[in-house]
Each structure stands twice: as C-alpha cells, then as structure tokens.
Protein backbone atom coordinates (compact mmCIF):
# COMPACT_ATOMS: atom_id res chain seq x y z
CA UNK A 1 22.83 27.04 8.22
CA UNK A 2 23.36 28.63 5.00
CA UNK A 3 21.11 31.62 4.37
CA UNK A 4 18.16 31.12 1.47
CA UNK A 5 18.54 27.28 1.33
CA UNK A 6 16.05 26.30 3.76
CA UNK A 7 12.32 27.20 3.52
CA UNK A 8 10.84 29.16 6.28
CA UNK A 9 9.58 26.98 9.24
CA UNK A 10 6.17 28.53 10.61
CA UNK A 11 3.33 28.06 12.87
CA UNK A 12 0.30 25.56 11.03
CA UNK A 13 -3.20 24.92 11.87
CA UNK A 14 -4.18 21.71 10.67
CA UNK A 15 -7.87 20.96 10.28
CA UNK A 16 -9.22 17.59 10.02
CA UNK A 17 -12.60 16.77 8.17
CA UNK A 18 -14.24 16.16 11.64
CA UNK A 19 -13.76 19.56 12.51
CA UNK A 20 -10.89 19.18 15.02
CA UNK A 21 -7.94 21.78 14.60
CA UNK A 22 -4.52 21.80 16.54
CA UNK A 23 -1.46 23.51 15.75
CA UNK A 24 2.10 22.68 14.65
CA UNK A 25 4.79 23.52 12.96
CA UNK A 26 5.72 23.32 9.42
CA UNK A 27 6.45 24.92 5.87
CA UNK A 28 2.71 25.78 4.91
CA UNK A 29 0.36 27.94 6.65
CA UNK A 30 -2.22 25.05 6.55
CA UNK A 31 -2.94 21.63 6.12
CA UNK A 32 -6.49 19.44 5.46
CA UNK A 33 -6.69 16.13 6.46
CA UNK A 34 -9.35 13.59 6.71
CA UNK A 35 -8.38 11.82 9.66
CA UNK A 36 -6.96 12.85 13.04
CA UNK A 37 -6.04 11.29 16.16
CA UNK A 38 -9.73 12.32 17.53
CA UNK A 39 -11.80 10.29 14.88
CA UNK A 40 -9.09 7.56 13.89
CA UNK A 41 -10.43 4.22 14.67
CA UNK A 42 -7.10 2.88 16.23
CA UNK A 43 -7.59 5.87 19.05
CA UNK A 44 -11.47 5.62 19.32
CA UNK A 45 -12.09 2.18 19.30
CA UNK A 46 -14.84 2.62 16.63
CA UNK A 47 -15.07 0.83 13.32
CA UNK A 48 -15.26 3.68 10.68
CA UNK A 49 -14.85 2.74 6.94
CA UNK A 50 -13.36 6.19 4.99
CA UNK A 51 -14.68 6.26 1.39
CA UNK A 52 -14.29 9.25 0.03
CA UNK A 53 -15.16 8.73 -3.82
CA UNK A 54 -17.11 5.31 -3.62
CA UNK A 55 -13.78 3.33 -3.87
CA UNK A 56 -15.03 0.06 -2.34
CA UNK A 57 -18.43 0.20 -3.93
CA UNK A 58 -16.66 0.72 -7.43
CA UNK A 59 -14.11 -1.91 -6.60
CA UNK A 60 -16.73 -4.70 -5.68
CA UNK A 61 -18.33 -3.77 -8.51
CA UNK A 62 -15.49 -4.23 -11.10
CA UNK A 63 -14.11 -7.28 -9.68
CA UNK A 64 -17.72 -9.04 -8.24
CA UNK A 65 -18.07 -11.25 -11.28
CA UNK A 66 -14.38 -12.18 -11.78
CA UNK A 67 -13.15 -14.80 -9.86
CA UNK A 68 -10.43 -16.42 -11.68
CA UNK A 69 -10.93 -14.73 -14.79
CA UNK A 70 -7.00 -15.90 -16.16
CA UNK A 71 -7.69 -19.26 -15.92
CA UNK A 72 -11.43 -19.11 -18.25
CA UNK A 73 -9.68 -17.28 -21.06
CA UNK A 74 -8.61 -20.05 -23.81
CA UNK A 75 -5.23 -18.94 -25.33
CA UNK A 76 -5.15 -18.96 -28.90
CA UNK A 77 -4.01 -22.33 -30.71
CA UNK A 78 -1.41 -21.70 -33.20
CA UNK A 79 -1.79 -23.26 -36.41
CA UNK A 80 0.23 -26.90 -37.00
CA UNK A 81 3.10 -26.75 -39.34
CA UNK A 82 2.82 -29.33 -41.97
C-alpha cells in the first residue's frame, strides 16, 4: 500500500439508541446508530415501529384524504378555434 493514501483504520465503539455498545474497526472513533442486533425486530421477534420524527403520522395526515387526487382534477379546456 502507498503511504498517505489510505485513512487510518482504528478500533471503533458503536453505540446504539437502546444502550448496547460493541467495538469494531473503522476510520472514525465512534459510531452512533438507532437500531442494532439487540433491538432490531428481525433478531428479537418483536414488532417495533421506529418513528424518530413523527414521519408516519405526518405521512398519514398528508395523504389521508387524497385518494385518487389525479382523477379528480379536471383538465383545463382549451378554447376551440373558429
């Protein structure tokens, strides 16, 4: 490998939102994640909705009454040429 081309590869601590921590190697000293293997629904078997900023409710309220909005719009009629 050439000198000065590759970043430093160091031991890294990964911290999850559930409180779990583990170490790995990366180019940054610390990584913060929302979901890890301890709290992920695939590994735990429990259903858990991750909604950090109210995105699900925001989406539901935005598109709740929309339905087929594109079909309800009437196209502007062009005047017929005489």
